[in-house]
Amino acid sequence: MNITPIRNEQDYKAALKAVSPFFDNEPEPGTPEGDFLDVMITLIEAYETRHYPIEPPTPVEAIKFRMEQAGLSVKDLEPAIGRANRVYEVLNGKRKLTLPMIRNLHQMFGISAESLINL
């Protein structure tokens, strides 16, 4: 089992091909095959993070995603944001979230504070 750095797209594709058989039959940790898979996944993740970064969602996208995920309505968000018209203003991007809204959305619905702050 040859482990080399992933420097380009060709190396990346070769690494994916090398680990793909292990997904159907995952080797035991601590075995040579398990160690190979662990190291290769680390290298693949590092390459993907550098070359295929995923942008965090906007605050509105994060709220809408949680609404869809949990089957929430505008009425459900009122305790966290305010009256329905204010919720609609936030969801339509006409009003920014305040710090109390961010805290409430995070605490009540488990939405990542980082997504709501959009650092």
PDB file of N, CA and C in Angstrom:
ATOM      1  N   MET A   1       0.835  -1.177   0.000  1.00  0.00           N
ATOM      2  CA  MET A   1       0.000   0.000   0.000  1.00  0.00           C
ATOM      3  C   MET A   1       0.878   1.237   0.000  1.00  0.00           C
ATOM      4  N   ASN A   2       0.797   1.946  -1.094  1.00  0.00           N
ATOM      5  CA  ASN A   2       1.654   3.101  -1.297  1.00  0.00           C
ATOM      6  C   ASN A   2       0.894   4.381  -0.969  1.00  0.00           C
ATOM      7  N   ILE A   3       1.413   5.151  -0.027  1.00  0.00           N
ATOM      8  CA  ILE A   3       0.781   6.415   0.354  1.00  0.00           C
ATOM      9  C   ILE A   3       1.671   7.547  -0.124  1.00  0.00           C
ATOM     10  N   THR A   4       1.075   8.432  -0.941  1.00  0.00           N
ATOM     11  CA  THR A   4       1.807   9.592  -1.449  1.00  0.00           C
ATOM     12  C   THR A   4       0.941  10.828  -1.281  1.00  0.00           C
ATOM     13  N   PRO A   5       1.549  12.012  -1.269  1.00  0.00           N
ATOM     14  CA  PRO A   5       0.759  13.241  -1.155  1.00  0.00           C
ATOM     15  C   PRO A   5      -0.183  13.395  -2.347  1.00  0.00           C
ATOM     16  N   ILE A   6      -1.271  14.102  -2.115  1.00  0.00           N
ATOM     17  CA  ILE A   6      -2.216  14.411  -3.190  1.00  0.00           C
ATOM     18  C   ILE A   6      -1.917  15.836  -3.622  1.00  0.00           C
ATOM     19  N   ARG A   7      -1.295  15.961  -4.793  1.00  0.00           N
ATOM     20  CA  ARG A   7      -0.835  17.274  -5.255  1.00  0.00           C
ATOM     21  C   ARG A   7      -1.692  17.863  -6.371  1.00  0.00           C
ATOM     22  N   ASN A   8      -2.429  16.999  -7.068  1.00  0.00           N
ATOM     23  CA  ASN A   8      -3.209  17.488  -8.208  1.00  0.00           C
ATOM     24  C   ASN A   8      -4.459  16.625  -8.377  1.00  0.00           C
ATOM     25  N   GLU A   9      -5.245  16.964  -9.381  1.00  0.00           N
ATOM     26  CA  GLU A   9      -6.518  16.266  -9.616  1.00  0.00           C
ATOM     27  C   GLU A   9      -6.301  14.788  -9.952  1.00  0.00           C
ATOM     28  N   GLN A  10      -5.239  14.487 -10.659  1.00  0.00           N
ATOM     29  CA  GLN A  10      -4.936  13.097 -11.010  1.00  0.00           C
ATOM     30  C   GLN A  10      -4.635  12.288  -9.740  1.00  0.00           C
ATOM     31  N   ASP A  11      -3.823  12.862  -8.841  1.00  0.00           N
ATOM     32  CA  ASP A  11      -3.530  12.193  -7.564  1.00  0.00           C
ATOM     33  C   ASP A  11      -4.810  12.007  -6.743  1.00  0.00           C
ATOM     34  N   TYR A  12      -5.676  13.013  -6.767  1.00  0.00           N
ATOM     35  CA  TYR A  12      -6.935  12.984  -6.023  1.00  0.00           C
ATOM     36  C   TYR A  12      -7.812  11.831  -6.522  1.00  0.00           C
ATOM     37  N   LYS A  13      -7.964  11.731  -7.845  1.00  0.00           N
ATOM     38  CA  LYS A  13      -8.782  10.654  -8.418  1.00  0.00           C
ATOM     39  C   LYS A  13      -8.190   9.284  -8.097  1.00  0.00           C
ATOM     40  N   ALA A  14      -6.868   9.171  -8.133  1.00  0.00           N
ATOM     41  CA  ALA A  14      -6.210   7.911  -7.801  1.00  0.00           C
ATOM     42  C   ALA A  14      -6.447   7.550  -6.327  1.00  0.00           C
ATOM     43  N   ALA A  15      -6.412   8.537  -5.462  1.00  0.00           N
ATOM     44  CA  ALA A  15      -6.652   8.292  -4.036  1.00  0.00           C
ATOM     45  C   ALA A  15      -8.085   7.829  -3.802  1.00  0.00           C
ATOM     46  N   LEU A  16      -9.041   8.467  -4.466  1.00  0.00           N
ATOM     47  CA  LEU A  16     -10.438   8.045  -4.336  1.00  0.00           C
ATOM     48  C   LEU A  16     -10.621   6.610  -4.815  1.00  0.00           C
ATOM     49  N   LYS A  17      -9.973   6.283  -5.918  1.00  0.00           N
ATOM     50  CA  LYS A  17     -10.057   4.928  -6.469  1.00  0.00           C
ATOM     51  C   LYS A  17      -9.437   3.912  -5.506  1.00  0.00           C
ATOM     52  N   ALA A  18      -8.339   4.312  -4.847  1.00  0.00           N
ATOM     53  CA  ALA A  18      -7.649   3.405  -3.926  1.00  0.00           C
ATOM     54  C   ALA A  18      -8.476   3.089  -2.684  1.00  0.00           C
ATOM     55  N   VAL A  19      -9.275   4.042  -2.211  1.00  0.00           N
ATOM     56  CA  VAL A  19     -10.046   3.808  -0.985  1.00  0.00           C
ATOM     57  C   VAL A  19     -11.461   3.300  -1.252  1.00  0.00           C
ATOM     58  N   SER A  20     -11.947   3.421  -2.465  1.00  0.00           N
ATOM     59  CA  SER A  20     -13.336   3.038  -2.743  1.00  0.00           C
ATOM     60  C   SER A  20     -13.671   1.589  -2.379  1.00  0.00           C
ATOM     61  N   PRO A  21     -12.788   0.613  -2.577  1.00  0.00           N
ATOM     62  CA  PRO A  21     -13.144  -0.762  -2.182  1.00  0.00           C
ATOM     63  C   PRO A  21     -13.363  -0.916  -0.674  1.00  0.00           C
ATOM     64  N   PHE A  22     -12.766  -0.046   0.124  1.00  0.00           N
ATOM     65  CA  PHE A  22     -12.871  -0.164   1.575  1.00  0.00           C
ATOM     66  C   PHE A  22     -14.218   0.303   2.118  1.00  0.00           C
ATOM     67  N   PHE A  23     -14.982   1.032   1.327  1.00  0.00           N
ATOM     68  CA  PHE A  23     -16.263   1.532   1.824  1.00  0.00           C
ATOM     69  C   PHE A  23     -17.303   0.418   1.910  1.00  0.00           C
ATOM     70  N   ASP A  24     -17.207  -0.573   1.068  1.00  0.00           N
ATOM     71  CA  ASP A  24     -18.135  -1.697   1.130  1.00  0.00           C
ATOM     72  C   ASP A  24     -17.735  -2.703   2.209  1.00  0.00           C
ATOM     73  N   ASN A  25     -16.455  -2.785   2.483  1.00  0.00           N
ATOM     74  CA  ASN A  25     -15.943  -3.730   3.468  1.00  0.00           C
ATOM     75  C   ASN A  25     -14.868  -3.023   4.298  1.00  0.00           C
ATOM     76  N   GLU A  26     -15.310  -2.213   5.257  1.00  0.00           N
ATOM     77  CA  GLU A  26     -14.382  -1.375   6.023  1.00  0.00           C
ATOM     78  C   GLU A  26     -13.453  -2.230   6.885  1.00  0.00           C
ATOM     79  N   PRO A  27     -12.148  -1.987   6.763  1.00  0.00           N
ATOM     80  CA  PRO A  27     -11.188  -2.777   7.544  1.00  0.00           C
ATOM     81  C   PRO A  27     -11.197  -2.379   9.024  1.00  0.00           C
ATOM     82  N   GLU A  28     -10.721  -3.278   9.846  1.00  0.00           N
ATOM     83  CA  GLU A  28     -10.642  -3.032  11.282  1.00  0.00           C
ATOM     84  C   GLU A  28      -9.586  -1.959  11.567  1.00  0.00           C
ATOM     85  N   PRO A  29      -9.879  -1.026  12.502  1.00  0.00           N
ATOM     86  CA  PRO A  29      -8.867  -0.044  12.905  1.00  0.00           C
ATOM     87  C   PRO A  29      -7.645  -0.756  13.497  1.00  0.00           C
ATOM     88  N   GLY A  30      -6.490  -0.218  13.221  1.00  0.00           N
ATOM     89  CA  GLY A  30      -5.248  -0.788  13.747  1.00  0.00           C
ATOM     90  C   GLY A  30      -4.619  -1.831  12.850  1.00  0.00           C
ATOM     91  N   THR A  31      -5.344  -2.286  11.837  1.00  0.00           N
ATOM     92  CA  THR A  31      -4.762  -3.216  10.871  1.00  0.00           C
ATOM     93  C   THR A  31      -4.044  -2.396   9.803  1.00  0.00           C
ATOM     94  N   PRO A  32      -3.150  -3.008   9.028  1.00  0.00           N
ATOM     95  CA  PRO A  32      -2.488  -2.242   7.958  1.00  0.00           C
ATOM     96  C   PRO A  32      -3.496  -1.605   6.988  1.00  0.00           C
ATOM     97  N   GLU A  33      -4.565  -2.356   6.650  1.00  0.00           N
ATOM     98  CA  GLU A  33      -5.579  -1.810   5.752  1.00  0.00           C
ATOM     99  C   GLU A  33      -6.350  -0.670   6.416  1.00  0.00           C
ATOM    100  N   GLY A  34      -6.649  -0.836   7.704  1.00  0.00           N
ATOM    101  CA  GLY A  34      -7.349   0.211   8.453  1.00  0.00           C
ATOM    102  C   GLY A  34      -6.519   1.482   8.563  1.00  0.00           C
ATOM    103  N   ASP A  35      -5.225   1.305   8.815  1.00  0.00           N
ATOM    104  CA  ASP A  35      -4.323   2.464   8.887  1.00  0.00           C
ATOM    105  C   ASP A  35      -4.203   3.148   7.531  1.00  0.00           C
ATOM    106  N   PHE A  36      -4.126   2.359   6.456  1.00  0.00           N
ATOM    107  CA  PHE A  36      -4.055   2.912   5.109  1.00  0.00           C
ATOM    108  C   PHE A  36      -5.299   3.752   4.827  1.00  0.00           C
ATOM    109  N   LEU A  37      -6.473   3.204   5.132  1.00  0.00           N
ATOM    110  CA  LEU A  37      -7.719   3.927   4.898  1.00  0.00           C
ATOM    111  C   LEU A  37      -7.757   5.219   5.706  1.00  0.00           C
ATOM    112  N   ASP A  38      -7.364   5.160   6.955  1.00  0.00           N
ATOM    113  CA  ASP A  38      -7.374   6.339   7.824  1.00  0.00           C
ATOM    114  C   ASP A  38      -6.473   7.448   7.279  1.00  0.00           C
ATOM    115  N   VAL A  39      -5.273   7.092   6.873  1.00  0.00           N
ATOM    116  CA  VAL A  39      -4.322   8.081   6.343  1.00  0.00           C
ATOM    117  C   VAL A  39      -4.821   8.647   5.013  1.00  0.00           C
ATOM    118  N   MET A  40      -5.322   7.777   4.151  1.00  0.00           N
ATOM    119  CA  MET A  40      -5.794   8.233   2.839  1.00  0.00           C
ATOM    120  C   MET A  40      -7.002   9.166   2.983  1.00  0.00           C
ATOM    121  N   ILE A  41      -7.912   8.840   3.894  1.00  0.00           N
ATOM    122  CA  ILE A  41      -9.076   9.710   4.100  1.00  0.00           C
ATOM    123  C   ILE A  41      -8.627  11.074   4.613  1.00  0.00           C
ATOM    124  N   THR A  42      -7.638  11.093   5.482  1.00  0.00           N
ATOM    125  CA  THR A  42      -7.099  12.365   5.973  1.00  0.00           C
ATOM    126  C   THR A  42      -6.515  13.187   4.835  1.00  0.00           C
ATOM    127  N   LEU A  43      -5.759  12.540   3.955  1.00  0.00           N
ATOM    128  CA  LEU A  43      -5.171  13.236   2.800  1.00  0.00           C
ATOM    129  C   LEU A  43      -6.255  13.736   1.839  1.00  0.00           C
ATOM    130  N   ILE A  44      -7.261  12.910   1.595  1.00  0.00           N
ATOM    131  CA  ILE A  44      -8.351  13.292   0.695  1.00  0.00           C
ATOM    132  C   ILE A  44      -9.127  14.475   1.264  1.00  0.00           C
ATOM    133  N   GLU A  45      -9.439  14.432   2.546  1.00  0.00           N
ATOM    134  CA  GLU A  45     -10.159  15.542   3.185  1.00  0.00           C
ATOM    135  C   GLU A  45      -9.354  16.841   3.110  1.00  0.00           C
ATOM    136  N   ALA A  46      -8.055  16.765   3.320  1.00  0.00           N
ATOM    137  CA  ALA A  46      -7.203  17.958   3.245  1.00  0.00           C
ATOM    138  C   ALA A  46      -7.221  18.540   1.833  1.00  0.00           C
ATOM    139  N   TYR A  47      -7.134  17.685   0.835  1.00  0.00           N
ATOM    140  CA  TYR A  47      -7.167  18.147  -0.562  1.00  0.00           C
ATOM    141  C   TYR A  47      -8.517  18.780  -0.880  1.00  0.00           C
ATOM    142  N   GLU A  48      -9.599  18.129  -0.466  1.00  0.00           N
ATOM    143  CA  GLU A  48     -10.945  18.664  -0.736  1.00  0.00           C
ATOM    144  C   GLU A  48     -11.171  19.997  -0.034  1.00  0.00           C
ATOM    145  N   THR A  49     -10.698  20.125   1.181  1.00  0.00           N
ATOM    146  CA  THR A  49     -10.857  21.386   1.916  1.00  0.00           C
ATOM    147  C   THR A  49     -10.133  22.512   1.198  1.00  0.00           C
ATOM    148  N   ARG A  50      -8.972  22.212   0.663  1.00  0.00           N
ATOM    149  CA  ARG A  50      -8.167  23.231  -0.011  1.00  0.00           C
ATOM    150  C   ARG A  50      -8.713  23.557  -1.409  1.00  0.00           C
ATOM    151  N   HIS A  51      -9.184  22.556  -2.138  1.00  0.00           N
ATOM    152  CA  HIS A  51      -9.566  22.765  -3.536  1.00  0.00           C
ATOM    153  C   HIS A  51     -11.067  22.828  -3.792  1.00  0.00           C
ATOM    154  N   TYR A  52     -11.865  22.336  -2.867  1.00  0.00           N
ATOM    155  CA  TYR A  52     -13.321  22.350  -3.024  1.00  0.00           C
ATOM    156  C   TYR A  52     -13.981  22.848  -1.743  1.00  0.00           C
ATOM    157  N   PRO A  53     -13.657  24.069  -1.328  1.00  0.00           N
ATOM    158  CA  PRO A  53     -14.224  24.553  -0.067  1.00  0.00           C
ATOM    159  C   PRO A  53     -15.742  24.726  -0.179  1.00  0.00           C
ATOM    160  N   ILE A  54     -16.413  24.471   0.911  1.00  0.00           N
ATOM    161  CA  ILE A  54     -17.858  24.647   0.969  1.00  0.00           C
ATOM    162  C   ILE A  54     -18.127  25.902   1.791  1.00  0.00           C
ATOM    163  N   GLU A  55     -18.761  26.856   1.158  1.00  0.00           N
ATOM    164  CA  GLU A  55     -19.074  28.110   1.835  1.00  0.00           C
ATOM    165  C   GLU A  55     -20.180  27.876   2.862  1.00  0.00           C
ATOM    166  N   PRO A  56     -20.065  28.494   4.019  1.00  0.00           N
ATOM    167  CA  PRO A  56     -21.140  28.347   5.003  1.00  0.00           C
ATOM    168  C   PRO A  56     -22.407  29.041   4.494  1.00  0.00           C
ATOM    169  N   PRO A  57     -23.563  28.578   4.946  1.00  0.00           N
ATOM    170  CA  PRO A  57     -24.806  29.199   4.486  1.00  0.00           C
ATOM    171  C   PRO A  57     -24.960  30.608   5.041  1.00  0.00           C
ATOM    172  N   THR A  58     -25.763  31.408   4.356  1.00  0.00           N
ATOM    173  CA  THR A  58     -26.116  32.723   4.898  1.00  0.00           C
ATOM    174  C   THR A  58     -27.051  32.485   6.077  1.00  0.00           C
ATOM    175  N   PRO A  59     -27.233  33.479   6.935  1.00  0.00           N
ATOM    176  CA  PRO A  59     -28.166  33.299   8.044  1.00  0.00           C
ATOM    177  C   PRO A  59     -29.568  32.896   7.579  1.00  0.00           C
ATOM    178  N   VAL A  60     -30.064  33.536   6.526  1.00  0.00           N
ATOM    179  CA  VAL A  60     -31.414  33.221   6.032  1.00  0.00           C
ATOM    180  C   VAL A  60     -31.456  31.784   5.503  1.00  0.00           C
ATOM    181  N   GLU A  61     -30.416  31.361   4.782  1.00  0.00           N
ATOM    182  CA  GLU A  61     -30.370  29.980   4.287  1.00  0.00           C
ATOM    183  C   GLU A  61     -30.374  28.986   5.446  1.00  0.00           C
ATOM    184  N   ALA A  62     -29.639  29.311   6.509  1.00  0.00           N
ATOM    185  CA  ALA A  62     -29.575  28.424   7.673  1.00  0.00           C
ATOM    186  C   ALA A  62     -30.951  28.314   8.342  1.00  0.00           C
ATOM    187  N   ILE A  63     -31.645  29.426   8.463  1.00  0.00           N
ATOM    188  CA  ILE A  63     -32.984  29.415   9.073  1.00  0.00           C
ATOM    189  C   ILE A  63     -33.950  28.627   8.200  1.00  0.00           C
ATOM    190  N   LYS A  64     -33.950  28.897   6.905  1.00  0.00           N
ATOM    191  CA  LYS A  64     -34.867  28.196   5.996  1.00  0.00           C
ATOM    192  C   LYS A  64     -34.577  26.696   5.967  1.00  0.00           C
ATOM    193  N   PHE A  65     -33.310  26.338   6.028  1.00  0.00           N
ATOM    194  CA  PHE A  65     -32.955  24.923   6.051  1.00  0.00           C
ATOM    195  C   PHE A  65     -33.522  24.251   7.293  1.00  0.00           C
ATOM    196  N   ARG A  66     -33.360  24.897   8.457  1.00  0.00           N
ATOM    197  CA  ARG A  66     -33.881  24.313   9.697  1.00  0.00           C
ATOM    198  C   ARG A  66     -35.401  24.245   9.659  1.00  0.00           C
ATOM    199  N   MET A  67     -36.024  25.267   9.070  1.00  0.00           N
ATOM    200  CA  MET A  67     -37.488  25.246   8.950  1.00  0.00           C
ATOM    201  C   MET A  67     -37.928  24.028   8.130  1.00  0.00           C
ATOM    202  N   GLU A  68     -37.267  23.807   7.011  1.00  0.00           N
ATOM    203  CA  GLU A  68     -37.607  22.679   6.151  1.00  0.00           C
ATOM    204  C   GLU A  68     -37.324  21.362   6.852  1.00  0.00           C
ATOM    205  N   GLN A  69     -36.170  21.301   7.502  1.00  0.00           N
ATOM    206  CA  GLN A  69     -35.729  20.086   8.174  1.00  0.00           C
ATOM    207  C   GLN A  69     -36.691  19.681   9.294  1.00  0.00           C
ATOM    208  N   ALA A  70     -37.139  20.657  10.072  1.00  0.00           N
ATOM    209  CA  ALA A  70     -37.972  20.384  11.244  1.00  0.00           C
ATOM    210  C   ALA A  70     -39.462  20.618  10.990  1.00  0.00           C
ATOM    211  N   GLY A  71     -39.817  20.990   9.764  1.00  0.00           N
ATOM    212  CA  GLY A  71     -41.224  21.244   9.460  1.00  0.00           C
ATOM    213  C   GLY A  71     -41.768  22.450  10.200  1.00  0.00           C
ATOM    214  N   LEU A  72     -40.938  23.484  10.363  1.00  0.00           N
ATOM    215  CA  LEU A  72     -41.337  24.682  11.106  1.00  0.00           C
ATOM    216  C   LEU A  72     -42.055  25.673  10.191  1.00  0.00           C
ATOM    217  N   SER A  73     -42.938  26.435  10.784  1.00  0.00           N
ATOM    218  CA  SER A  73     -43.645  27.488  10.058  1.00  0.00           C
ATOM    219  C   SER A  73     -43.191  28.846  10.578  1.00  0.00           C
ATOM    220  N   VAL A  74     -43.660  29.887   9.945  1.00  0.00           N
ATOM    221  CA  VAL A  74     -43.361  31.249  10.396  1.00  0.00           C
ATOM    222  C   VAL A  74     -43.857  31.421  11.828  1.00  0.00           C
ATOM    223  N   LYS A  75     -45.012  30.869  12.124  1.00  0.00           N
ATOM    224  CA  LYS A  75     -45.594  30.956  13.478  1.00  0.00           C
ATOM    225  C   LYS A  75     -44.637  30.351  14.511  1.00  0.00           C
ATOM    226  N   ASP A  76     -43.955  29.258  14.144  1.00  0.00           N
ATOM    227  CA  ASP A  76     -43.019  28.621  15.068  1.00  0.00           C
ATOM    228  C   ASP A  76     -41.814  29.508  15.377  1.00  0.00           C
ATOM    229  N   LEU A  77     -41.459  30.385  14.441  1.00  0.00           N
ATOM    230  CA  LEU A  77     -40.298  31.261  14.632  1.00  0.00           C
ATOM    231  C   LEU A  77     -40.618  32.534  15.415  1.00  0.00           C
ATOM    232  N   GLU A  78     -41.885  32.830  15.576  1.00  0.00           N
ATOM    233  CA  GLU A  78     -42.261  34.074  16.259  1.00  0.00           C
ATOM    234  C   GLU A  78     -41.662  34.227  17.653  1.00  0.00           C
ATOM    235  N   PRO A  79     -41.606  33.180  18.488  1.00  0.00           N
ATOM    236  CA  PRO A  79     -40.986  33.369  19.810  1.00  0.00           C
ATOM    237  C   PRO A  79     -39.502  33.756  19.738  1.00  0.00           C
ATOM    238  N   ALA A  80     -38.843  33.372  18.669  1.00  0.00           N
ATOM    239  CA  ALA A  80     -37.412  33.662  18.536  1.00  0.00           C
ATOM    240  C   ALA A  80     -37.147  34.999  17.860  1.00  0.00           C
ATOM    241  N   ILE A  81     -38.017  35.390  16.921  1.00  0.00           N
ATOM    242  CA  ILE A  81     -37.746  36.575  16.106  1.00  0.00           C
ATOM    243  C   ILE A  81     -38.707  37.733  16.394  1.00  0.00           C
ATOM    244  N   GLY A  82     -39.960  37.432  16.601  1.00  0.00           N
ATOM    245  CA  GLY A  82     -40.975  38.466  16.813  1.00  0.00           C
ATOM    246  C   GLY A  82     -42.211  38.148  15.996  1.00  0.00           C
ATOM    247  N   ARG A  83     -43.060  39.112  15.841  1.00  0.00           N
ATOM    248  CA  ARG A  83     -44.313  38.908  15.104  1.00  0.00           C
ATOM    249  C   ARG A  83     -44.054  38.398  13.693  1.00  0.00           C
ATOM    250  N   ALA A  84     -45.117  37.870  13.082  1.00  0.00           N
ATOM    251  CA  ALA A  84     -45.010  37.253  11.757  1.00  0.00           C
ATOM    252  C   ALA A  84     -44.396  38.196  10.732  1.00  0.00           C
ATOM    253  N   ASN A  85     -44.793  39.479  10.771  1.00  0.00           N
ATOM    254  CA  ASN A  85     -44.245  40.413   9.781  1.00  0.00           C
ATOM    255  C   ASN A  85     -42.735  40.568   9.937  1.00  0.00           C
ATOM    256  N   ARG A  86     -42.249  40.521  11.157  1.00  0.00           N
ATOM    257  CA  ARG A  86     -40.803  40.600  11.384  1.00  0.00           C
ATOM    258  C   ARG A  86     -40.111  39.332  10.883  1.00  0.00           C
ATOM    259  N   VAL A  87     -40.718  38.174  11.113  1.00  0.00           N
ATOM    260  CA  VAL A  87     -40.154  36.913  10.625  1.00  0.00           C
ATOM    261  C   VAL A  87     -40.036  36.973   9.103  1.00  0.00           C
ATOM    262  N   TYR A  88     -41.104  37.440   8.439  1.00  0.00           N
ATOM    263  CA  TYR A  88     -41.064  37.549   6.973  1.00  0.00           C
ATOM    264  C   TYR A  88     -39.989  38.535   6.515  1.00  0.00           C
ATOM    265  N   GLU A  89     -39.819  39.627   7.238  1.00  0.00           N
ATOM    266  CA  GLU A  89     -38.768  40.596   6.881  1.00  0.00           C
ATOM    267  C   GLU A  89     -37.390  39.947   6.951  1.00  0.00           C
ATOM    268  N   VAL A  90     -37.160  39.150   7.994  1.00  0.00           N
ATOM    269  CA  VAL A  90     -35.873  38.453   8.136  1.00  0.00           C
ATOM    270  C   VAL A  90     -35.710  37.438   7.010  1.00  0.00           C
ATOM    271  N   LEU A  91     -36.729  36.639   6.761  1.00  0.00           N
ATOM    272  CA  LEU A  91     -36.642  35.592   5.739  1.00  0.00           C
ATOM    273  C   LEU A  91     -36.498  36.153   4.331  1.00  0.00           C
ATOM    274  N   ASN A  92     -36.990  37.365   4.112  1.00  0.00           N
ATOM    275  CA  ASN A  92     -36.862  38.006   2.801  1.00  0.00           C
ATOM    276  C   ASN A  92     -35.632  38.894   2.695  1.00  0.00           C
ATOM    277  N   GLY A  93     -34.813  38.925   3.742  1.00  0.00           N
ATOM    278  CA  GLY A  93     -33.571  39.694   3.715  1.00  0.00           C
ATOM    279  C   GLY A  93     -33.758  41.192   3.881  1.00  0.00           C
ATOM    280  N   LYS A  94     -34.933  41.620   4.337  1.00  0.00           N
ATOM    281  CA  LYS A  94     -35.190  43.048   4.519  1.00  0.00           C
ATOM    282  C   LYS A  94     -34.826  43.535   5.910  1.00  0.00           C
ATOM    283  N   ARG A  95     -34.614  42.604   6.816  1.00  0.00           N
ATOM    284  CA  ARG A  95     -34.224  42.953   8.182  1.00  0.00           C
ATOM    285  C   ARG A  95     -33.116  42.009   8.616  1.00  0.00           C
ATOM    286  N   LYS A  96     -32.096  42.580   9.213  1.00  0.00           N
ATOM    287  CA  LYS A  96     -30.979  41.767   9.718  1.00  0.00           C
ATOM    288  C   LYS A  96     -31.353  41.188  11.080  1.00  0.00           C
ATOM    289  N   LEU A  97     -30.719  40.087  11.399  1.00  0.00           N
ATOM    290  CA  LEU A  97     -30.917  39.479  12.712  1.00  0.00           C
ATOM    291  C   LEU A  97     -30.246  40.321  13.788  1.00  0.00           C
ATOM    292  N   THR A  98     -30.904  40.438  14.923  1.00  0.00           N
ATOM    293  CA  THR A  98     -30.302  41.104  16.074  1.00  0.00           C
ATOM    294  C   THR A  98     -29.644  40.040  16.953  1.00  0.00           C
ATOM    295  N   LEU A  99     -28.826  40.470  17.883  1.00  0.00           N
ATOM    296  CA  LEU A  99     -28.164  39.527  18.776  1.00  0.00           C
ATOM    297  C   LEU A  99     -29.181  38.697  19.570  1.00  0.00           C
ATOM    298  N   PRO A 100     -30.254  39.299  20.122  1.00  0.00           N
ATOM    299  CA  PRO A 100     -31.244  38.459  20.811  1.00  0.00           C
ATOM    300  C   PRO A 100     -31.914  37.437  19.882  1.00  0.00           C
ATOM    301  N   MET A 101     -32.172  37.812  18.624  1.00  0.00           N
ATOM    302  CA  MET A 101     -32.753  36.864  17.670  1.00  0.00           C
ATOM    303  C   MET A 101     -31.794  35.699  17.427  1.00  0.00           C
ATOM    304  N   ILE A 102     -30.519  36.016  17.261  1.00  0.00           N
ATOM    305  CA  ILE A 102     -29.509  34.989  17.031  1.00  0.00           C
ATOM    306  C   ILE A 102     -29.457  34.024  18.209  1.00  0.00           C
ATOM    307  N   ARG A 103     -29.428  34.582  19.404  1.00  0.00           N
ATOM    308  CA  ARG A 103     -29.405  33.727  20.607  1.00  0.00           C
ATOM    309  C   ARG A 103     -30.639  32.834  20.662  1.00  0.00           C
ATOM    310  N   ASN A 104     -31.806  33.422  20.420  1.00  0.00           N
ATOM    311  CA  ASN A 104     -33.051  32.653  20.481  1.00  0.00           C
ATOM    312  C   ASN A 104     -33.085  31.545  19.429  1.00  0.00           C
ATOM    313  N   LEU A 105     -32.711  31.869  18.210  1.00  0.00           N
ATOM    314  CA  LEU A 105     -32.719  30.860  17.145  1.00  0.00           C
ATOM    315  C   LEU A 105     -31.751  29.722  17.451  1.00  0.00           C
ATOM    316  N   HIS A 106     -30.608  30.085  18.005  1.00  0.00           N
ATOM    317  CA  HIS A 106     -29.618  29.068  18.371  1.00  0.00           C
ATOM    318  C   HIS A 106     -30.151  28.184  19.501  1.00  0.00           C
ATOM    319  N   GLN A 107     -30.688  28.800  20.543  1.00  0.00           N
ATOM    320  CA  GLN A 107     -31.150  28.041  21.703  1.00  0.00           C
ATOM    321  C   GLN A 107     -32.430  27.258  21.420  1.00  0.00           C
ATOM    322  N   MET A 108     -33.376  27.866  20.720  1.00  0.00           N
ATOM    323  CA  MET A 108     -34.673  27.225  20.502  1.00  0.00           C
ATOM    324  C   MET A 108     -34.660  26.180  19.385  1.00  0.00           C
ATOM    325  N   PHE A 109     -33.839  26.423  18.350  1.00  0.00           N
ATOM    326  CA  PHE A 109     -33.899  25.560  17.171  1.00  0.00           C
ATOM    327  C   PHE A 109     -32.567  24.897  16.832  1.00  0.00           C
ATOM    328  N   GLY A 110     -31.540  25.175  17.627  1.00  0.00           N
ATOM    329  CA  GLY A 110     -30.250  24.522  17.411  1.00  0.00           C
ATOM    330  C   GLY A 110     -29.531  24.942  16.140  1.00  0.00           C
ATOM    331  N   ILE A 111     -29.866  26.123  15.621  1.00  0.00           N
ATOM    332  CA  ILE A 111     -29.177  26.617  14.429  1.00  0.00           C
ATOM    333  C   ILE A 111     -27.805  27.119  14.855  1.00  0.00           C
ATOM    334  N   SER A 112     -26.801  26.731  14.139  1.00  0.00           N
ATOM    335  CA  SER A 112     -25.432  27.119  14.468  1.00  0.00           C
ATOM    336  C   SER A 112     -25.312  28.636  14.593  1.00  0.00           C
ATOM    337  N   ALA A 113     -24.770  29.081  15.721  1.00  0.00           N
ATOM    338  CA  ALA A 113     -24.565  30.519  15.920  1.00  0.00           C
ATOM    339  C   ALA A 113     -23.619  31.076  14.867  1.00  0.00           C
ATOM    340  N   GLU A 114     -22.634  30.281  14.464  1.00  0.00           N
ATOM    341  CA  GLU A 114     -21.699  30.738  13.433  1.00  0.00           C
ATOM    342  C   GLU A 114     -22.425  31.012  12.110  1.00  0.00           C
ATOM    343  N   SER A 115     -23.389  30.160  11.765  1.00  0.00           N
ATOM    344  CA  SER A 115     -24.162  30.392  10.535  1.00  0.00           C
ATOM    345  C   SER A 115     -25.029  31.637  10.662  1.00  0.00           C
ATOM    346  N   LEU A 116     -25.594  31.843  11.834  1.00  0.00           N
ATOM    347  CA  LEU A 116     -26.466  32.993  12.038  1.00  0.00           C
ATOM    348  C   LEU A 116     -25.691  34.304  12.070  1.00  0.00           C
ATOM    349  N   ILE A 117     -24.464  34.256  12.557  1.00  0.00           N
ATOM    350  CA  ILE A 117     -23.613  35.457  12.600  1.00  0.00           C
ATOM    351  C   ILE A 117     -22.972  35.685  11.234  1.00  0.00           C
ATOM    352  N   ASN A 118     -22.718  34.573  10.508  1.00  0.00           N
ATOM    353  CA  ASN A 118     -22.119  34.604   9.173  1.00  0.00           C
ATOM    354  C   ASN A 118     -20.756  35.293   9.182  1.00  0.00           C
ATOM    355  N   LEU A 119     -19.838  34.700   9.946  1.00  0.00           N
ATOM    356  CA  LEU A 119     -18.480  35.254  10.052  1.00  0.00           C
ATOM    357  C   LEU A 119     -17.722  35.106   8.778  1.00  0.00           C
TER     358      LEU A 119
END
